[in-house]
PDB file of N, CA and C in Angstrom:
ATOM      1  N   UNK A   1      44.492 -34.254  -3.734  1.00  0.00           N
ATOM      2  CA  UNK A   1      43.711 -33.797  -4.715  1.00  0.00           C
ATOM      3  C   UNK A   1      43.441 -34.853  -5.750  1.00  0.00           C
ATOM      4  N   UNK A   2      44.916 -36.073  -5.398  1.00  0.00           N
ATOM      5  CA  UNK A   2      44.859 -36.788  -6.879  1.00  0.00           C
ATOM      6  C   UNK A   2      43.853 -38.100  -6.271  1.00  0.00           C
ATOM      7  N   UNK A   3      43.178 -38.259  -5.191  1.00  0.00           N
ATOM      8  CA  UNK A   3      42.218 -39.022  -4.799  1.00  0.00           C
ATOM      9  C   UNK A   3      40.542 -38.591  -5.434  1.00  0.00           C
ATOM     10  N   UNK A   4      40.555 -37.259  -5.355  1.00  0.00           N
ATOM     11  CA  UNK A   4      39.348 -36.446  -6.107  1.00  0.00           C
ATOM     12  C   UNK A   4      39.683 -36.460  -7.563  1.00  0.00           C
ATOM     13  N   UNK A   5      40.293 -36.637  -8.435  1.00  0.00           N
ATOM     14  CA  UNK A   5      40.648 -36.517  -9.479  1.00  0.00           C
ATOM     15  C   UNK A   5      40.362 -37.951  -9.737  1.00  0.00           C
ATOM     16  N   UNK A   6      40.918 -38.982  -9.238  1.00  0.00           N
ATOM     17  CA  UNK A   6      40.428 -40.370  -9.460  1.00  0.00           C
ATOM     18  C   UNK A   6      39.200 -40.554  -9.576  1.00  0.00           C
ATOM     19  N   UNK A   7      38.568 -40.299  -8.341  1.00  0.00           N
ATOM     20  CA  UNK A   7      36.906 -40.279  -8.204  1.00  0.00           C
ATOM     21  C   UNK A   7      36.159 -39.837  -9.378  1.00  0.00           C
ATOM     22  N   UNK A   8      36.802 -38.766  -9.814  1.00  0.00           N
ATOM     23  CA  UNK A   8      36.294 -38.054 -10.927  1.00  0.00           C
ATOM     24  C   UNK A   8      36.413 -38.739 -12.007  1.00  0.00           C
ATOM     25  N   UNK A   9      37.850 -39.408 -12.194  1.00  0.00           N
ATOM     26  CA  UNK A   9      37.584 -39.820 -13.620  1.00  0.00           C
ATOM     27  C   UNK A   9      37.126 -41.287 -13.529  1.00  0.00           C
ATOM     28  N   UNK A  10      36.635 -41.801 -12.199  1.00  0.00           N
ATOM     29  CA  UNK A  10      36.085 -43.271 -12.233  1.00  0.00           C
ATOM     30  C   UNK A  10      34.399 -42.887 -12.307  1.00  0.00           C
ATOM     31  N   UNK A  11      34.010 -41.818 -11.983  1.00  0.00           N
ATOM     32  CA  UNK A  11      32.415 -41.515 -12.316  1.00  0.00           C
ATOM     33  C   UNK A  11      32.298 -41.386 -13.546  1.00  0.00           C
ATOM     34  N   UNK A  12      33.424 -40.372 -14.545  1.00  0.00           N
ATOM     35  CA  UNK A  12      32.898 -40.102 -15.893  1.00  0.00           C
ATOM     36  C   UNK A  12      33.253 -41.453 -16.615  1.00  0.00           C
ATOM     37  N   UNK A  13      34.016 -42.545 -16.224  1.00  0.00           N
ATOM     38  CA  UNK A  13      34.346 -43.721 -16.673  1.00  0.00           C
ATOM     39  C   UNK A  13      32.527 -44.468 -16.750  1.00  0.00           C
ATOM     40  N   UNK A  14      32.303 -44.443 -15.462  1.00  0.00           N
ATOM     41  CA  UNK A  14      30.509 -45.114 -15.099  1.00  0.00           C
ATOM     42  C   UNK A  14      29.860 -44.376 -16.070  1.00  0.00           C
ATOM     43  N   UNK A  15      29.551 -43.431 -16.191  1.00  0.00           N
ATOM     44  CA  UNK A  15      29.102 -42.590 -17.067  1.00  0.00           C
ATOM     45  C   UNK A  15      28.872 -42.580 -18.309  1.00  0.00           C
ATOM     46  N   UNK A  16      30.003 -43.244 -18.964  1.00  0.00           N
ATOM     47  CA  UNK A  16      30.268 -43.421 -20.308  1.00  0.00           C
ATOM     48  C   UNK A  16      29.757 -44.847 -20.408  1.00  0.00           C
ATOM     49  N   UNK A  17      30.135 -45.868 -19.692  1.00  0.00           N
ATOM     50  CA  UNK A  17      29.443 -46.727 -19.794  1.00  0.00           C
ATOM     51  C   UNK A  17      28.065 -46.685 -19.358  1.00  0.00           C
ATOM     52  N   UNK A  18      27.175 -45.762 -18.883  1.00  0.00           N
ATOM     53  CA  UNK A  18      26.358 -45.916 -18.744  1.00  0.00           C
ATOM     54  C   UNK A  18      25.398 -45.791 -19.907  1.00  0.00           C
ATOM     55  N   UNK A  19      26.030 -44.581 -20.878  1.00  0.00           N
ATOM     56  CA  UNK A  19      25.484 -44.076 -21.844  1.00  0.00           C
ATOM     57  C   UNK A  19      25.505 -45.216 -23.263  1.00  0.00           C
ATOM     58  N   UNK A  20      26.514 -45.957 -23.518  1.00  0.00           N
ATOM     59  CA  UNK A  20      26.903 -46.906 -23.812  1.00  0.00           C
ATOM     60  C   UNK A  20      25.716 -47.887 -24.053  1.00  0.00           C
ATOM     61  N   UNK A  21      25.125 -48.267 -22.882  1.00  0.00           N
ATOM     62  CA  UNK A  21      24.123 -49.475 -22.502  1.00  0.00           C
ATOM     63  C   UNK A  21      22.732 -48.542 -22.402  1.00  0.00           C
ATOM     64  N   UNK A  22      22.770 -47.147 -22.495  1.00  0.00           N
ATOM     65  CA  UNK A  22      21.293 -46.687 -22.593  1.00  0.00           C
ATOM     66  C   UNK A  22      20.839 -46.728 -21.095  1.00  0.00           C
ATOM     67  N   UNK A  23      21.506 -46.718 -20.364  1.00  0.00           N
ATOM     68  CA  UNK A  23      20.898 -46.836 -18.546  1.00  0.00           C
ATOM     69  C   UNK A  23      21.200 -45.599 -18.032  1.00  0.00           C
ATOM     70  N   UNK A  24      20.328 -45.137 -17.428  1.00  0.00           N
ATOM     71  CA  UNK A  24      19.857 -43.716 -16.788  1.00  0.00           C
ATOM     72  C   UNK A  24      20.801 -43.885 -15.599  1.00  0.00           C
ATOM     73  N   UNK A  25      21.352 -43.038 -15.028  1.00  0.00           N
ATOM     74  CA  UNK A  25      21.870 -42.668 -13.880  1.00  0.00           C
ATOM     75  C   UNK A  25      20.948 -42.797 -12.632  1.00  0.00           C
ATOM     76  N   UNK A  26      21.676 -43.508 -11.493  1.00  0.00           N
ATOM     77  CA  UNK A  26      20.555 -43.121 -10.334  1.00  0.00           C
ATOM     78  C   UNK A  26      20.711 -42.027  -9.544  1.00  0.00           C
ATOM     79  N   UNK A  27      21.891 -41.360 -10.092  1.00  0.00           N
ATOM     80  CA  UNK A  27      22.658 -40.221  -9.522  1.00  0.00           C
ATOM     81  C   UNK A  27      21.687 -38.914  -9.147  1.00  0.00           C
ATOM     82  N   UNK A  28      21.079 -38.055  -8.464  1.00  0.00           N
ATOM     83  CA  UNK A  28      20.246 -37.146  -8.498  1.00  0.00           C
ATOM     84  C   UNK A  28      20.440 -36.393  -9.466  1.00  0.00           C
ATOM     85  N   UNK A  29      19.269 -35.478 -10.340  1.00  0.00           N
ATOM     86  CA  UNK A  29      19.584 -34.304 -11.153  1.00  0.00           C
ATOM     87  C   UNK A  29      20.422 -32.972 -10.324  1.00  0.00           C
ATOM     88  N   UNK A  30      21.018 -32.200 -11.405  1.00  0.00           N
ATOM     89  CA  UNK A  30      21.963 -31.257 -11.095  1.00  0.00           C
ATOM     90  C   UNK A  30      21.584 -30.252 -10.082  1.00  0.00           C
ATOM     91  N   UNK A  31      19.796 -30.145  -9.704  1.00  0.00           N
ATOM     92  CA  UNK A  31      19.469 -29.381  -9.194  1.00  0.00           C
ATOM     93  C   UNK A  31      19.284 -29.925  -7.483  1.00  0.00           C
ATOM     94  N   UNK A  32      19.116 -31.006  -7.407  1.00  0.00           N
ATOM     95  CA  UNK A  32      19.571 -31.922  -6.184  1.00  0.00           C
ATOM     96  C   UNK A  32      20.536 -31.319  -5.737  1.00  0.00           C
ATOM     97  N   UNK A  33      21.669 -31.565  -6.402  1.00  0.00           N
ATOM     98  CA  UNK A  33      23.232 -31.285  -5.923  1.00  0.00           C
ATOM     99  C   UNK A  33      23.136 -29.802  -5.505  1.00  0.00           C
ATOM    100  N   UNK A  34      22.443 -28.869  -6.366  1.00  0.00           N
ATOM    101  CA  UNK A  34      22.644 -27.335  -5.993  1.00  0.00           C
ATOM    102  C   UNK A  34      21.744 -27.214  -4.579  1.00  0.00           C
ATOM    103  N   UNK A  35      21.038 -27.853  -4.586  1.00  0.00           N
ATOM    104  CA  UNK A  35      20.155 -27.678  -3.614  1.00  0.00           C
ATOM    105  C   UNK A  35      21.033 -28.178  -2.091  1.00  0.00           C
ATOM    106  N   UNK A  36      21.810 -29.392  -2.357  1.00  0.00           N
ATOM    107  CA  UNK A  36      22.603 -29.984  -0.960  1.00  0.00           C
ATOM    108  C   UNK A  36      23.486 -28.898  -0.842  1.00  0.00           C
ATOM    109  N   UNK A  37      24.316 -28.269  -1.882  1.00  0.00           N
ATOM    110  CA  UNK A  37      24.768 -26.943  -1.575  1.00  0.00           C
ATOM    111  C   UNK A  37      24.557 -25.742  -0.731  1.00  0.00           C
ATOM    112  N   UNK A  38      23.376 -25.791  -1.014  1.00  0.00           N
ATOM    113  CA  UNK A  38      22.603 -24.777  -0.469  1.00  0.00           C
ATOM    114  C   UNK A  38      22.607 -24.747   0.751  1.00  0.00           C
ATOM    115  N   UNK A  39      22.321 -26.348   1.155  1.00  0.00           N
ATOM    116  CA  UNK A  39      22.081 -26.798   2.870  1.00  0.00           C
ATOM    117  C   UNK A  39      23.205 -26.467   3.377  1.00  0.00           C
ATOM    118  N   UNK A  40      24.805 -27.155   2.893  1.00  0.00           N
ATOM    119  CA  UNK A  40      25.843 -26.407   3.442  1.00  0.00           C
ATOM    120  C   UNK A  40      26.049 -25.331   3.617  1.00  0.00           C
ATOM    121  N   UNK A  41      26.135 -24.671   2.804  1.00  0.00           N
ATOM    122  CA  UNK A  41      26.069 -23.146   3.152  1.00  0.00           C
ATOM    123  C   UNK A  41      25.346 -22.418   3.983  1.00  0.00           C
ATOM    124  N   UNK A  42      24.252 -22.853   4.118  1.00  0.00           N
ATOM    125  CA  UNK A  42      23.047 -22.505   4.982  1.00  0.00           C
ATOM    126  C   UNK A  42      23.345 -22.988   6.440  1.00  0.00           C
ATOM    127  N   UNK A  43      23.983 -24.166   6.565  1.00  0.00           N
ATOM    128  CA  UNK A  43      24.721 -24.485   7.909  1.00  0.00           C
ATOM    129  C   UNK A  43      25.398 -23.741   8.580  1.00  0.00           C
ATOM    130  N   UNK A  44      25.871 -22.746   7.792  1.00  0.00           N
ATOM    131  CA  UNK A  44      27.284 -22.183   8.006  1.00  0.00           C
ATOM    132  C   UNK A  44      27.052 -20.586   8.298  1.00  0.00           C
ATOM    133  N   UNK A  45      25.962 -20.251   7.936  1.00  0.00           N
ATOM    134  CA  UNK A  45      25.621 -18.848   8.218  1.00  0.00           C
ATOM    135  C   UNK A  45      25.172 -18.280   9.326  1.00  0.00           C
ATOM    136  N   UNK A  46      24.603 -18.826  10.323  1.00  0.00           N
ATOM    137  CA  UNK A  46      24.468 -18.713  11.545  1.00  0.00           C
ATOM    138  C   UNK A  46      26.090 -18.594  12.201  1.00  0.00           C
ATOM    139  N   UNK A  47      26.875 -19.333  12.554  1.00  0.00           N
ATOM    140  CA  UNK A  47      27.901 -19.538  13.396  1.00  0.00           C
ATOM    141  C   UNK A  47      29.063 -18.750  12.557  1.00  0.00           C
ATOM    142  N   UNK A  48      28.701 -18.238  10.861  1.00  0.00           N
ATOM    143  CA  UNK A  48      29.603 -17.319  10.476  1.00  0.00           C
ATOM    144  C   UNK A  48      29.300 -15.746  11.251  1.00  0.00           C
ATOM    145  N   UNK A  49      27.880 -15.563  11.202  1.00  0.00           N
ATOM    146  CA  UNK A  49      27.186 -14.639  11.705  1.00  0.00           C
ATOM    147  C   UNK A  49      27.458 -13.947  12.907  1.00  0.00           C
ATOM    148  N   UNK A  50      27.141 -15.220  14.023  1.00  0.00           N
ATOM    149  CA  UNK A  50      28.354 -15.438  15.496  1.00  0.00           C
ATOM    150  C   UNK A  50      29.316 -14.479  15.378  1.00  0.00           C
ATOM    151  N   UNK A  51      30.365 -15.219  14.874  1.00  0.00           N
ATOM    152  CA  UNK A  51      31.627 -14.782  14.748  1.00  0.00           C
ATOM    153  C   UNK A  51      31.844 -13.300  14.087  1.00  0.00           C
ATOM    154  N   UNK A  52      31.228 -12.947  13.733  1.00  0.00           N
ATOM    155  CA  UNK A  52      30.833 -11.404  12.914  1.00  0.00           C
ATOM    156  C   UNK A  52      30.262 -10.390  14.291  1.00  0.00           C
ATOM    157  N   UNK A  53      29.136 -11.026  14.916  1.00  0.00           N
ATOM    158  CA  UNK A  53      28.587 -10.380  15.843  1.00  0.00           C
ATOM    159  C   UNK A  53      29.956  -9.884  16.888  1.00  0.00           C
ATOM    160  N   UNK A  54      30.355 -11.294  17.508  1.00  0.00           N
ATOM    161  CA  UNK A  54      31.568 -11.107  18.302  1.00  0.00           C
ATOM    162  C   UNK A  54      32.730 -10.342  18.060  1.00  0.00           C
ATOM    163  N   UNK A  55      32.551  -9.526  16.765  1.00  0.00           N
ATOM    164  CA  UNK A  55      33.540  -9.398  16.135  1.00  0.00           C
ATOM    165  C   UNK A  55      35.066  -9.408  16.269  1.00  0.00           C
ATOM    166  N   UNK A  56      35.030 -11.025  16.204  1.00  0.00           N
ATOM    167  CA  UNK A  56      35.892 -11.536  15.657  1.00  0.00           C
ATOM    168  C   UNK A  56      36.296 -11.687  13.979  1.00  0.00           C
ATOM    169  N   UNK A  57      37.301 -11.746  13.621  1.00  0.00           N
ATOM    170  CA  UNK A  57      37.958 -11.822  12.442  1.00  0.00           C
ATOM    171  C   UNK A  57      37.349 -12.970  11.535  1.00  0.00           C
ATOM    172  N   UNK A  58      36.260 -12.700  10.406  1.00  0.00           N
ATOM    173  CA  UNK A  58      35.952 -13.629   9.563  1.00  0.00           C
ATOM    174  C   UNK A  58      36.971 -14.952   9.085  1.00  0.00           C
ATOM    175  N   UNK A  59      38.007 -14.906   9.453  1.00  0.00           N
ATOM    176  CA  UNK A  59      39.043 -15.564   9.104  1.00  0.00           C
ATOM    177  C   UNK A  59      38.806 -17.505  10.259  1.00  0.00           C
ATOM    178  N   UNK A  60      38.090 -16.184  11.161  1.00  0.00           N
ATOM    179  CA  UNK A  60      38.419 -17.765  12.513  1.00  0.00           C
ATOM    180  C   UNK A  60      37.289 -18.428  12.651  1.00  0.00           C
ATOM    181  N   UNK A  61      35.597 -18.210  11.744  1.00  0.00           N
ATOM    182  CA  UNK A  61      34.786 -18.992  11.044  1.00  0.00           C
ATOM    183  C   UNK A  61      35.454 -19.775  10.385  1.00  0.00           C
ATOM    184  N   UNK A  62      36.042 -19.327   9.418  1.00  0.00           N
ATOM    185  CA  UNK A  62      36.631 -20.020   8.213  1.00  0.00           C
ATOM    186  C   UNK A  62      37.417 -20.966   7.938  1.00  0.00           C
ATOM    187  N   UNK A  63      38.147 -20.952   9.449  1.00  0.00           N
ATOM    188  CA  UNK A  63      39.767 -21.841   9.744  1.00  0.00           C
ATOM    189  C   UNK A  63      38.975 -22.787  10.629  1.00  0.00           C
ATOM    190  N   UNK A  64      38.021 -22.532  11.642  1.00  0.00           N
ATOM    191  CA  UNK A  64      37.463 -23.189  12.672  1.00  0.00           C
ATOM    192  C   UNK A  64      36.084 -24.055  11.877  1.00  0.00           C
ATOM    193  N   UNK A  65      35.578 -23.316  11.498  1.00  0.00           N
ATOM    194  CA  UNK A  65      33.927 -24.095  11.550  1.00  0.00           C
ATOM    195  C   UNK A  65      33.358 -24.353   9.614  1.00  0.00           C
ATOM    196  N   UNK A  66      33.725 -23.385   8.797  1.00  0.00           N
ATOM    197  CA  UNK A  66      33.592 -23.701   7.846  1.00  0.00           C
ATOM    198  C   UNK A  66      34.112 -24.407   6.914  1.00  0.00           C
ATOM    199  N   UNK A  67      35.165 -24.483   6.579  1.00  0.00           N
ATOM    200  CA  UNK A  67      36.353 -24.977   5.855  1.00  0.00           C
ATOM    201  C   UNK A  67      36.153 -26.440   6.474  1.00  0.00           C
ATOM    202  N   UNK A  68      36.654 -26.851   7.636  1.00  0.00           N
ATOM    203  CA  UNK A  68      36.480 -28.443   8.324  1.00  0.00           C
ATOM    204  C   UNK A  68      35.007 -29.083   7.701  1.00  0.00           C
ATOM    205  N   UNK A  69      34.025 -27.969   8.116  1.00  0.00           N
ATOM    206  CA  UNK A  69      32.839 -28.918   7.523  1.00  0.00           C
ATOM    207  C   UNK A  69      32.296 -29.183   6.237  1.00  0.00           C
ATOM    208  N   UNK A  70      32.689 -28.014   5.196  1.00  0.00           N
ATOM    209  CA  UNK A  70      32.414 -27.964   4.071  1.00  0.00           C
ATOM    210  C   UNK A  70      33.140 -28.877   3.113  1.00  0.00           C
ATOM    211  N   UNK A  71      34.336 -29.195   3.544  1.00  0.00           N
ATOM    212  CA  UNK A  71      35.529 -29.438   2.763  1.00  0.00           C
ATOM    213  C   UNK A  71      36.302 -30.650   3.511  1.00  0.00           C
ATOM    214  N   UNK A  72      35.696 -30.771   4.728  1.00  0.00           N
ATOM    215  CA  UNK A  72      36.914 -32.180   5.294  1.00  0.00           C
ATOM    216  C   UNK A  72      38.114 -31.836   5.314  1.00  0.00           C
ATOM    217  N   UNK A  73      38.658 -32.878   5.746  1.00  0.00           N
ATOM    218  CA  UNK A  73      40.203 -33.091   5.611  1.00  0.00           C
ATOM    219  C   UNK A  73      40.611 -33.798   4.098  1.00  0.00           C
ATOM    220  N   UNK A  74      41.477 -32.854   3.223  1.00  0.00           N
ATOM    221  CA  UNK A  74      41.794 -33.267   2.398  1.00  0.00           C
ATOM    222  C   UNK A  74      42.455 -34.850   2.441  1.00  0.00           C
ATOM    223  N   UNK A  75      42.666 -35.588   1.263  1.00  0.00           N
ATOM    224  CA  UNK A  75      43.559 -36.670   2.103  1.00  0.00           C
ATOM    225  C   UNK A  75      44.957 -36.359   1.792  1.00  0.00           C
ATOM    226  N   UNK A  76      45.600 -36.736   2.867  1.00  0.00           N
ATOM    227  CA  UNK A  76      47.189 -36.625   2.551  1.00  0.00           C
ATOM    228  C   UNK A  76      48.000 -37.942   2.618  1.00  0.00           C
ATOM    229  N   UNK A  77      48.955 -37.938   2.064  1.00  0.00           N
ATOM    230  CA  UNK A  77      49.656 -39.426   1.887  1.00  0.00           C
ATOM    231  C   UNK A  77      51.165 -39.604   2.367  1.00  0.00           C
ATOM    232  N   UNK A  78      51.482 -40.470   3.130  1.00  0.00           N
ATOM    233  CA  UNK A  78      52.451 -40.960   4.131  1.00  0.00           C
ATOM    234  C   UNK A  78      52.914 -40.148   5.219  1.00  0.00           C
ATOM    235  N   UNK A  79      54.342 -39.311   5.401  1.00  0.00           N
ATOM    236  CA  UNK A  79      54.573 -38.339   6.360  1.00  0.00           C
ATOM    237  C   UNK A  79      53.754 -37.128   6.545  1.00  0.00           C
ATOM    238  N   UNK A  80      53.048 -36.380   5.433  1.00  0.00           N
ATOM    239  CA  UNK A  80      52.258 -35.354   5.191  1.00  0.00           C
ATOM    240  C   UNK A  80      51.117 -35.240   6.356  1.00  0.00           C
ATOM    241  N   UNK A  81      51.210 -36.163   6.616  1.00  0.00           N
ATOM    242  CA  UNK A  81      50.175 -35.927   8.091  1.00  0.00           C
ATOM    243  C   UNK A  81      50.442 -35.440   9.378  1.00  0.00           C
ATOM    244  N   UNK A  82      51.635 -36.070   9.174  1.00  0.00           N
ATOM    245  CA  UNK A  82      52.446 -35.223  10.401  1.00  0.00           C
ATOM    246  C   UNK A  82      52.588 -34.090  10.630  1.00  0.00           C
ATOM    247  N   UNK A  83      53.201 -33.438   9.073  1.00  0.00           N
ATOM    248  CA  UNK A  83      53.047 -31.993   8.740  1.00  0.00           C
ATOM    249  C   UNK A  83      51.627 -31.311   8.955  1.00  0.00           C
ATOM    250  N   UNK A  84      50.485 -31.736   8.649  1.00  0.00           N
ATOM    251  CA  UNK A  84      49.048 -31.563   8.364  1.00  0.00           C
ATOM    252  C   UNK A  84      48.904 -31.258  10.472  1.00  0.00           C
ATOM    253  N   UNK A  85      49.089 -32.052  11.159  1.00  0.00           N
ATOM    254  CA  UNK A  85      49.112 -31.896  12.779  1.00  0.00           C
ATOM    255  C   UNK A  85      50.097 -30.861  13.006  1.00  0.00           C
ATOM    256  N   UNK A  86      51.464 -30.948  12.913  1.00  0.00           N
ATOM    257  CA  UNK A  86      52.305 -29.418  13.336  1.00  0.00           C
ATOM    258  C   UNK A  86      51.815 -28.330  12.893  1.00  0.00           C
ATOM    259  N   UNK A  87      50.926 -28.266  11.540  1.00  0.00           N
ATOM    260  CA  UNK A  87      50.481 -26.775  10.950  1.00  0.00           C
ATOM    261  C   UNK A  87      49.326 -26.529  11.839  1.00  0.00           C
ATOM    262  N   UNK A  88      48.627 -27.577  12.033  1.00  0.00           N
ATOM    263  CA  UNK A  88      47.251 -26.782  13.377  1.00  0.00           C
ATOM    264  C   UNK A  88      47.976 -26.731  14.553  1.00  0.00           C
ATOM    265  N   UNK A  89      49.048 -27.435  14.960  1.00  0.00           N
ATOM    266  CA  UNK A  89      49.124 -27.137  16.858  1.00  0.00           C
ATOM    267  C   UNK A  89      49.784 -25.389  16.257  1.00  0.00           C
ATOM    268  N   UNK A  90      50.243 -25.469  15.717  1.00  0.00           N
ATOM    269  CA  UNK A  90      51.105 -24.269  15.183  1.00  0.00           C
ATOM    270  C   UNK A  90      49.898 -22.827  15.068  1.00  0.00           C
ATOM    271  N   UNK A  91      49.169 -23.175  14.095  1.00  0.00           N
ATOM    272  CA  UNK A  91      47.541 -22.458  14.192  1.00  0.00           C
ATOM    273  C   UNK A  91      46.946 -22.493  15.539  1.00  0.00           C
ATOM    274  N   UNK A  92      46.793 -23.465  16.334  1.00  0.00           N
ATOM    275  CA  UNK A  92      46.473 -23.062  17.428  1.00  0.00           C
ATOM    276  C   UNK A  92      46.823 -21.915  18.433  1.00  0.00           C
ATOM    277  N   UNK A  93      48.326 -22.340  18.470  1.00  0.00           N
ATOM    278  CA  UNK A  93      49.175 -21.394  18.977  1.00  0.00           C
ATOM    279  C   UNK A  93      49.175 -20.146  18.971  1.00  0.00           C
ATOM    280  N   UNK A  94      48.970 -19.679  17.836  1.00  0.00           N
ATOM    281  CA  UNK A  94      49.123 -18.167  17.313  1.00  0.00           C
ATOM    282  C   UNK A  94      47.393 -17.864  17.509  1.00  0.00           C
ATOM    283  N   UNK A  95      46.506 -18.517  18.098  1.00  0.00           N
ATOM    284  CA  UNK A  95      45.054 -18.173  18.223  1.00  0.00           C
ATOM    285  C   UNK A  95      44.747 -17.374  19.504  1.00  0.00           C
TER     286      UNK A  95
END
């Protein structure tokens, strides 16, 4: 989470510098970002519907398909990567 906050802070700093220099940002407008979010969500509708049609719990689709694709793996530091692998192995054992 710290990496995401640092990234946001860096973006804010660059935005302030752009504003001071009266330069427009090359970033897409908010409407384009909302469209990208729609694409991400839309990609998950069919796999999610298949999960529901197979009468599997919605959590199965969330854990194995939607969450990894939409959010990726959150950055971890040091030894906590080992903990993540152990947690994934436990989840697979319970499946």
